[in-house]
Amino acid sequence: PLVAVSMGARLLATVLVLVVFSVTTLVVVGLLAYGTTPSRTGRVAVEALRAEVTVRWQDDQPTISAQSLADTYAALGYVHALESTWAMMLWRQAATGQLATWFGEGGRAYDRHAHTLGLPAQARATYAALSLDQQNLLNAYAAGVNRALRQPAIAQTDEFVLRDVVPEPWAPWHALAVERLLAYLATDPPELLTTPPSAPADTMQSADATLRRLAASAEAR
């Protein structure tokens, strides 16, 4: 099992046992990518934890044992980033209107669509309106995700290396933005989209249709 240790426990123990990752190199399309496989065993320090948390895998399904809900959320964020880094970061870029930072002009139509729908703004406003306890759960989840992103075996996966991008830290409101995007894609497409003057309706509708096809394809896999 993977044991996540709070920073306090790490200091008391005075020993930090690092997770050892097996690293292989892979040349793809003339570029050097780091074909790394994150480990599911060992111990890792997660600053947000208040107590030790254990994650066990059976048939590729993780089970989290924690003493508090906040620690469960922190471990869940770590596991999500450990298992689905590229998918998480890609959905985050789409939901926050930042695909163009990775894909250039090809992503601008989708970014305009996300901002027209108000996904980033709504997510920020919703987070600000949550109770402190609810915010703390999202904070813990983000801390777990970011702890995973600091590990080379995760941050230097082939997809990131080949695109020459470094995943930015996960903010607590990002989960709300992704949730809103997925909820939107689960509804019937609108007959008419409200678009800014710089974004013709046919362009927005095309972006909307493409996002829905991608979501359906991801769900099918």
C-alpha atoms as a PDB file:
ATOM      1  CA  PRO A   1       0.000   0.000   0.000  1.00  0.00           C
ATOM      2  CA  LEU A   2       0.903   3.632  -0.428  1.00  0.00           C
ATOM      3  CA  VAL A   3       1.073   5.430   2.890  1.00  0.00           C
ATOM      4  CA  ALA A   4       0.689   9.201   2.922  1.00  0.00           C
ATOM      5  CA  VAL A   5       2.278  10.810   5.967  1.00  0.00           C
ATOM      6  CA  SER A   6       1.425  14.207   7.447  1.00  0.00           C
ATOM      7  CA  MET A   7       4.253  16.734   7.721  1.00  0.00           C
ATOM      8  CA  GLY A   8       3.977  16.613  11.498  1.00  0.00           C
ATOM      9  CA  ALA A   9       4.373  12.863  11.545  1.00  0.00           C
ATOM     10  CA  ARG A  10       7.346  13.145   9.209  1.00  0.00           C
ATOM     11  CA  LEU A  11       9.095  15.599  11.510  1.00  0.00           C
ATOM     12  CA  LEU A  12       8.411  13.487  14.581  1.00  0.00           C
ATOM     13  CA  ALA A  13       9.783  10.417  12.892  1.00  0.00           C
ATOM     14  CA  THR A  14      12.744  12.474  11.570  1.00  0.00           C
ATOM     15  CA  VAL A  15      12.891  10.099   8.642  1.00  0.00           C
ATOM     16  CA  LEU A  16      11.366  10.635   5.239  1.00  0.00           C
ATOM     17  CA  VAL A  17      11.216   7.476   3.148  1.00  0.00           C
ATOM     18  CA  LEU A  18      10.849   8.574  -0.460  1.00  0.00           C
ATOM     19  CA  VAL A  19       8.875   6.675  -3.023  1.00  0.00           C
ATOM     20  CA  VAL A  20      11.304   5.136  -5.485  1.00  0.00           C
ATOM     21  CA  PHE A  21      10.144   5.424  -9.032  1.00  0.00           C
ATOM     22  CA  SER A  22      11.347   3.233 -11.869  1.00  0.00           C
ATOM     23  CA  VAL A  23      12.392   5.510 -14.716  1.00  0.00           C
ATOM     24  CA  THR A  24      12.806   4.495 -18.325  1.00  0.00           C
ATOM     25  CA  THR A  25      13.598   6.655 -21.301  1.00  0.00           C
ATOM     26  CA  LEU A  26      11.699   6.555 -24.521  1.00  0.00           C
ATOM     27  CA  VAL A  27      12.431   8.279 -27.829  1.00  0.00           C
ATOM     28  CA  VAL A  28       9.203   9.265 -29.588  1.00  0.00           C
ATOM     29  CA  VAL A  29       9.076  11.192 -32.849  1.00  0.00           C
ATOM     30  CA  GLY A  30      12.667  12.203 -32.411  1.00  0.00           C
ATOM     31  CA  LEU A  31      12.028  13.670 -28.944  1.00  0.00           C
ATOM     32  CA  LEU A  32      13.196  12.364 -25.615  1.00  0.00           C
ATOM     33  CA  ALA A  33      10.244  11.592 -23.353  1.00  0.00           C
ATOM     34  CA  TYR A  34      10.499  10.214 -19.854  1.00  0.00           C
ATOM     35  CA  GLY A  35       8.408   7.043 -19.786  1.00  0.00           C
ATOM     36  CA  THR A  36       7.885   6.976 -16.077  1.00  0.00           C
ATOM     37  CA  THR A  37       5.573   4.829 -14.028  1.00  0.00           C
ATOM     38  CA  PRO A  38       4.400   6.284 -10.698  1.00  0.00           C
ATOM     39  CA  SER A  39       4.737   3.839  -7.839  1.00  0.00           C
ATOM     40  CA  ARG A  40       1.817   2.568  -5.800  1.00  0.00           C
ATOM     41  CA  THR A  41       4.028   1.479  -2.932  1.00  0.00           C
ATOM     42  CA  GLY A  42       6.129   3.319  -0.385  1.00  0.00           C
ATOM     43  CA  ARG A  43       5.631   6.412   1.723  1.00  0.00           C
ATOM     44  CA  VAL A  44       5.169  10.031   0.715  1.00  0.00           C
ATOM     45  CA  ALA A  45       4.815  13.193   2.782  1.00  0.00           C
ATOM     46  CA  VAL A  46       1.713  15.271   2.082  1.00  0.00           C
ATOM     47  CA  GLU A  47       1.750  18.540   3.996  1.00  0.00           C
ATOM     48  CA  ALA A  48      -2.046  18.865   4.143  1.00  0.00           C
ATOM     49  CA  LEU A  49      -2.530  15.623   6.072  1.00  0.00           C
ATOM     50  CA  ARG A  50      -3.214  15.665   9.792  1.00  0.00           C
ATOM     51  CA  ALA A  51      -2.618  11.948  10.267  1.00  0.00           C
ATOM     52  CA  GLU A  52      -1.334   8.952   8.368  1.00  0.00           C
ATOM     53  CA  VAL A  53      -3.446   7.788   5.439  1.00  0.00           C
ATOM     54  CA  THR A  54      -3.168   4.432   3.682  1.00  0.00           C
ATOM     55  CA  VAL A  55      -4.128   3.763   0.078  1.00  0.00           C
ATOM     56  CA  ARG A  56      -4.459   0.161  -1.092  1.00  0.00           C
ATOM     57  CA  TRP A  57      -5.115  -1.047  -4.628  1.00  0.00           C
ATOM     58  CA  GLN A  58      -7.080  -4.133  -5.542  1.00  0.00           C
ATOM     59  CA  ASP A  59      -7.864  -4.843  -9.196  1.00  0.00           C
ATOM     60  CA  ASP A  60      -6.663  -1.297  -9.987  1.00  0.00           C
ATOM     61  CA  GLN A  61      -9.259   0.163  -7.623  1.00  0.00           C
ATOM     62  CA  PRO A  62      -7.879   2.306  -4.766  1.00  0.00           C
ATOM     63  CA  THR A  63      -9.242   2.165  -1.236  1.00  0.00           C
ATOM     64  CA  ILE A  64      -8.416   5.074   1.075  1.00  0.00           C
ATOM     65  CA  SER A  65      -8.221   4.631   4.839  1.00  0.00           C
ATOM     66  CA  ALA A  66      -8.137   7.967   6.649  1.00  0.00           C
ATOM     67  CA  GLN A  67      -9.116   9.354  10.039  1.00  0.00           C
ATOM     68  CA  SER A  68     -10.830  12.499   8.756  1.00  0.00           C
ATOM     69  CA  LEU A  69     -12.795  13.674   5.745  1.00  0.00           C
ATOM     70  CA  ALA A  70     -10.195  16.324   4.925  1.00  0.00           C
ATOM     71  CA  ASP A  71      -7.415  13.721   4.898  1.00  0.00           C
ATOM     72  CA  THR A  72      -9.578  11.544   2.648  1.00  0.00           C
ATOM     73  CA  TYR A  73      -9.924  14.416   0.187  1.00  0.00           C
ATOM     74  CA  ALA A  74      -6.176  15.056   0.239  1.00  0.00           C
ATOM     75  CA  ALA A  75      -5.466  11.390  -0.465  1.00  0.00           C
ATOM     76  CA  LEU A  76      -8.131  11.337  -3.179  1.00  0.00           C
ATOM     77  CA  GLY A  77      -6.504  14.287  -4.919  1.00  0.00           C
ATOM     78  CA  TYR A  78      -3.142  12.544  -4.749  1.00  0.00           C
ATOM     79  CA  VAL A  79      -4.569   9.309  -6.159  1.00  0.00           C
ATOM     80  CA  HIS A  80      -6.441  11.082  -8.956  1.00  0.00           C
ATOM     81  CA  ALA A  81      -3.273  12.878 -10.047  1.00  0.00           C
ATOM     82  CA  LEU A  82      -1.250   9.682  -9.660  1.00  0.00           C
ATOM     83  CA  GLU A  83      -3.568   7.678 -11.891  1.00  0.00           C
ATOM     84  CA  SER A  84      -4.987  10.216 -14.363  1.00  0.00           C
ATOM     85  CA  THR A  85      -2.599  13.149 -14.547  1.00  0.00           C
ATOM     86  CA  TRP A  86      -2.922  14.012 -18.229  1.00  0.00           C
ATOM     87  CA  ALA A  87      -6.718  13.642 -18.309  1.00  0.00           C
ATOM     88  CA  MET A  88      -7.110  15.791 -15.193  1.00  0.00           C
ATOM     89  CA  MET A  89      -4.887  18.556 -16.470  1.00  0.00           C
ATOM     90  CA  LEU A  90      -6.481  18.496 -19.929  1.00  0.00           C
ATOM     91  CA  TRP A  91      -9.995  18.819 -18.488  1.00  0.00           C
ATOM     92  CA  ARG A  92      -8.725  21.611 -16.241  1.00  0.00           C
ATOM     93  CA  GLN A  93      -7.298  23.507 -19.214  1.00  0.00           C
ATOM     94  CA  ALA A  94     -10.591  23.119 -21.081  1.00  0.00           C
ATOM     95  CA  ALA A  95     -12.774  24.130 -18.134  1.00  0.00           C
ATOM     96  CA  THR A  96     -10.710  27.188 -17.259  1.00  0.00           C
ATOM     97  CA  GLY A  97     -10.344  28.382 -20.846  1.00  0.00           C
ATOM     98  CA  GLN A  98      -6.608  27.781 -21.123  1.00  0.00           C
ATOM     99  CA  LEU A  99      -6.249  25.211 -23.905  1.00  0.00           C
ATOM    100  CA  ALA A 100      -4.494  27.752 -26.114  1.00  0.00           C
ATOM    101  CA  THR A 101      -1.577  27.917 -23.684  1.00  0.00           C
ATOM    102  CA  TRP A 102      -0.839  24.299 -24.619  1.00  0.00           C
ATOM    103  CA  PHE A 103      -2.183  23.995 -28.166  1.00  0.00           C
ATOM    104  CA  GLY A 104      -1.860  27.507 -29.566  1.00  0.00           C
ATOM    105  CA  GLU A 105      -4.443  28.933 -31.949  1.00  0.00           C
ATOM    106  CA  GLY A 106      -6.156  25.563 -32.247  1.00  0.00           C
ATOM    107  CA  GLY A 107      -7.435  25.909 -28.695  1.00  0.00           C
ATOM    108  CA  ARG A 108      -8.713  29.478 -28.788  1.00  0.00           C
ATOM    109  CA  ALA A 109     -12.245  28.657 -29.958  1.00  0.00           C
ATOM    110  CA  TYR A 110     -12.687  26.258 -27.046  1.00  0.00           C
ATOM    111  CA  ASP A 111     -11.265  28.816 -24.620  1.00  0.00           C
ATOM    112  CA  ARG A 112     -13.728  31.467 -25.829  1.00  0.00           C
ATOM    113  CA  HIS A 113     -16.515  28.934 -25.453  1.00  0.00           C
ATOM    114  CA  ALA A 114     -15.526  28.173 -21.857  1.00  0.00           C
ATOM    115  CA  HIS A 115     -15.439  31.876 -20.969  1.00  0.00           C
ATOM    116  CA  THR A 116     -18.712  32.541 -22.774  1.00  0.00           C
ATOM    117  CA  LEU A 117     -20.323  29.841 -20.662  1.00  0.00           C
ATOM    118  CA  GLY A 118     -18.769  31.509 -17.634  1.00  0.00           C
ATOM    119  CA  LEU A 119     -17.171  28.303 -16.353  1.00  0.00           C
ATOM    120  CA  PRO A 120     -14.062  29.846 -14.723  1.00  0.00           C
ATOM    121  CA  ALA A 121     -15.924  32.831 -13.271  1.00  0.00           C
ATOM    122  CA  GLN A 122     -18.754  30.687 -11.901  1.00  0.00           C
ATOM    123  CA  ALA A 123     -16.314  28.246 -10.335  1.00  0.00           C
ATOM    124  CA  ARG A 124     -14.388  31.036  -8.599  1.00  0.00           C
ATOM    125  CA  ALA A 125     -17.602  32.645  -7.345  1.00  0.00           C
ATOM    126  CA  THR A 126     -18.969  29.332  -6.089  1.00  0.00           C
ATOM    127  CA  TYR A 127     -15.767  28.560  -4.213  1.00  0.00           C
ATOM    128  CA  ALA A 128     -15.830  31.995  -2.582  1.00  0.00           C
ATOM    129  CA  ALA A 129     -19.437  31.419  -1.484  1.00  0.00           C
ATOM    130  CA  LEU A 130     -18.763  28.041   0.141  1.00  0.00           C
ATOM    131  CA  SER A 131     -18.494  27.616   3.877  1.00  0.00           C
ATOM    132  CA  LEU A 132     -15.030  27.423   5.393  1.00  0.00           C
ATOM    133  CA  ASP A 133     -15.432  23.685   5.987  1.00  0.00           C
ATOM    134  CA  GLN A 134     -16.362  23.100   2.357  1.00  0.00           C
ATOM    135  CA  GLN A 135     -13.472  25.228   1.144  1.00  0.00           C
ATOM    136  CA  ASN A 136     -11.111  23.259   3.348  1.00  0.00           C
ATOM    137  CA  LEU A 137     -12.136  20.025   1.637  1.00  0.00           C
ATOM    138  CA  LEU A 138     -11.367  21.483  -1.790  1.00  0.00           C
ATOM    139  CA  ASN A 139      -8.128  22.923  -0.386  1.00  0.00           C
ATOM    140  CA  ALA A 140      -7.139  19.475   0.870  1.00  0.00           C
ATOM    141  CA  TYR A 141      -7.970  17.884  -2.478  1.00  0.00           C
ATOM    142  CA  ALA A 142      -5.865  20.500  -4.292  1.00  0.00           C
ATOM    143  CA  ALA A 143      -2.976  19.922  -1.886  1.00  0.00           C
ATOM    144  CA  GLY A 144      -3.044  16.206  -2.685  1.00  0.00           C
ATOM    145  CA  VAL A 145      -3.088  16.863  -6.433  1.00  0.00           C
ATOM    146  CA  ASN A 146      -0.199  19.323  -6.183  1.00  0.00           C
ATOM    147  CA  ARG A 147       1.870  16.950  -4.062  1.00  0.00           C
ATOM    148  CA  ALA A 148       1.569  14.385  -6.836  1.00  0.00           C
ATOM    149  CA  LEU A 149       2.424  16.949  -9.515  1.00  0.00           C
ATOM    150  CA  ARG A 150       5.728  17.679  -7.784  1.00  0.00           C
ATOM    151  CA  GLN A 151       6.916  14.143  -8.452  1.00  0.00           C
ATOM    152  CA  PRO A 152       8.992  13.723 -11.647  1.00  0.00           C
ATOM    153  CA  ALA A 153       7.284  10.431 -12.466  1.00  0.00           C
ATOM    154  CA  ILE A 154       4.019  12.338 -12.778  1.00  0.00           C
ATOM    155  CA  ALA A 155       5.024  15.791 -13.998  1.00  0.00           C
ATOM    156  CA  GLN A 156       7.354  14.369 -16.682  1.00  0.00           C
ATOM    157  CA  THR A 157       5.029  11.886 -18.323  1.00  0.00           C
ATOM    158  CA  ASP A 158       5.268  11.550 -22.099  1.00  0.00           C
ATOM    159  CA  GLU A 159       2.304  13.811 -22.863  1.00  0.00           C
ATOM    160  CA  PHE A 160       3.764  16.764 -20.965  1.00  0.00           C
ATOM    161  CA  VAL A 161       7.291  16.264 -22.271  1.00  0.00           C
ATOM    162  CA  LEU A 162       6.205  15.939 -25.898  1.00  0.00           C
ATOM    163  CA  ARG A 163       4.165  19.132 -25.659  1.00  0.00           C
ATOM    164  CA  ASP A 164       6.939  20.839 -23.672  1.00  0.00           C
ATOM    165  CA  VAL A 165       4.526  21.956 -20.956  1.00  0.00           C
ATOM    166  CA  VAL A 166       4.722  21.890 -17.187  1.00  0.00           C
ATOM    167  CA  PRO A 167       1.349  21.383 -15.476  1.00  0.00           C
ATOM    168  CA  GLU A 168       0.488  24.367 -13.335  1.00  0.00           C
ATOM    169  CA  PRO A 169      -0.575  23.845  -9.721  1.00  0.00           C
ATOM    170  CA  TRP A 170      -4.164  22.796  -9.151  1.00  0.00           C
ATOM    171  CA  ALA A 171      -6.226  25.520  -7.480  1.00  0.00           C
ATOM    172  CA  PRO A 172      -9.105  24.559  -5.173  1.00  0.00           C
ATOM    173  CA  TRP A 173     -11.711  26.056  -7.540  1.00  0.00           C
ATOM    174  CA  HIS A 174     -10.459  24.029 -10.517  1.00  0.00           C
ATOM    175  CA  ALA A 175     -12.480  21.005  -9.404  1.00  0.00           C
ATOM    176  CA  LEU A 176     -15.641  23.130  -9.545  1.00  0.00           C
ATOM    177  CA  ALA A 177     -14.801  24.358 -13.044  1.00  0.00           C
ATOM    178  CA  VAL A 178     -14.287  20.795 -14.306  1.00  0.00           C
ATOM    179  CA  GLU A 179     -17.506  19.703 -12.594  1.00  0.00           C
ATOM    180  CA  ARG A 180     -19.401  22.473 -14.387  1.00  0.00           C
ATOM    181  CA  LEU A 181     -17.912  21.597 -17.749  1.00  0.00           C
ATOM    182  CA  LEU A 182     -18.800  17.918 -17.388  1.00  0.00           C
ATOM    183  CA  ALA A 183     -22.312  18.806 -16.193  1.00  0.00           C
ATOM    184  CA  TYR A 184     -22.758  21.101 -19.180  1.00  0.00           C
ATOM    185  CA  LEU A 185     -21.570  18.428 -21.608  1.00  0.00           C
ATOM    186  CA  ALA A 186     -24.059  15.972 -20.067  1.00  0.00           C
ATOM    187  CA  THR A 187     -26.984  18.211 -21.079  1.00  0.00           C
ATOM    188  CA  ASP A 188     -28.565  18.627 -24.499  1.00  0.00           C
ATOM    189  CA  PRO A 189     -26.751  21.220 -26.616  1.00  0.00           C
ATOM    190  CA  PRO A 190     -28.432  24.632 -26.657  1.00  0.00           C
ATOM    191  CA  GLU A 191     -30.168  25.723 -29.849  1.00  0.00           C
ATOM    192  CA  LEU A 192     -28.619  29.177 -29.631  1.00  0.00           C
ATOM    193  CA  LEU A 193     -25.375  30.184 -27.985  1.00  0.00           C
ATOM    194  CA  THR A 194     -24.798  33.707 -26.753  1.00  0.00           C
ATOM    195  CA  THR A 195     -21.488  34.763 -28.276  1.00  0.00           C
ATOM    196  CA  PRO A 196     -19.311  37.846 -28.074  1.00  0.00           C
ATOM    197  CA  PRO A 197     -18.925  39.889 -31.293  1.00  0.00           C
ATOM    198  CA  SER A 198     -15.448  38.447 -31.862  1.00  0.00           C
ATOM    199  CA  ALA A 199     -16.743  34.874 -31.816  1.00  0.00           C
ATOM    200  CA  PRO A 200     -19.278  33.992 -34.559  1.00  0.00           C
ATOM    201  CA  ALA A 201     -22.076  31.657 -33.504  1.00  0.00           C
ATOM    202  CA  ASP A 202     -21.033  28.947 -35.955  1.00  0.00           C
ATOM    203  CA  THR A 203     -17.527  28.905 -34.432  1.00  0.00           C
ATOM    204  CA  MET A 204     -18.932  28.578 -30.921  1.00  0.00           C
ATOM    205  CA  GLN A 205     -21.339  25.843 -31.977  1.00  0.00           C
ATOM    206  CA  SER A 206     -18.491  23.979 -33.670  1.00  0.00           C
ATOM    207  CA  ALA A 207     -16.406  24.202 -30.489  1.00  0.00           C
ATOM    208  CA  ASP A 208     -19.372  23.013 -28.463  1.00  0.00           C
ATOM    209  CA  ALA A 209     -19.979  20.049 -30.746  1.00  0.00           C
ATOM    210  CA  THR A 210     -16.304  19.067 -30.703  1.00  0.00           C
ATOM    211  CA  LEU A 211     -16.129  19.218 -26.904  1.00  0.00           C
ATOM    212  CA  ARG A 212     -19.181  16.969 -26.682  1.00  0.00           C
ATOM    213  CA  ARG A 213     -17.646  14.432 -29.071  1.00  0.00           C
ATOM    214  CA  LEU A 214     -14.422  14.389 -27.040  1.00  0.00           C
ATOM    215  CA  ALA A 215     -16.371  13.913 -23.805  1.00  0.00           C
ATOM    216  CA  ALA A 216     -18.370  11.038 -25.311  1.00  0.00           C
ATOM    217  CA  SER A 217     -15.189   9.433 -26.594  1.00  0.00           C
ATOM    218  CA  ALA A 218     -13.492   9.716 -23.177  1.00  0.00           C
ATOM    219  CA  GLU A 219     -16.524   8.222 -21.448  1.00  0.00           C
ATOM    220  CA  ALA A 220     -16.614   5.316 -23.901  1.00  0.00           C
ATOM    221  CA  ARG A 221     -12.979   4.490 -23.048  1.00  0.00           C
END
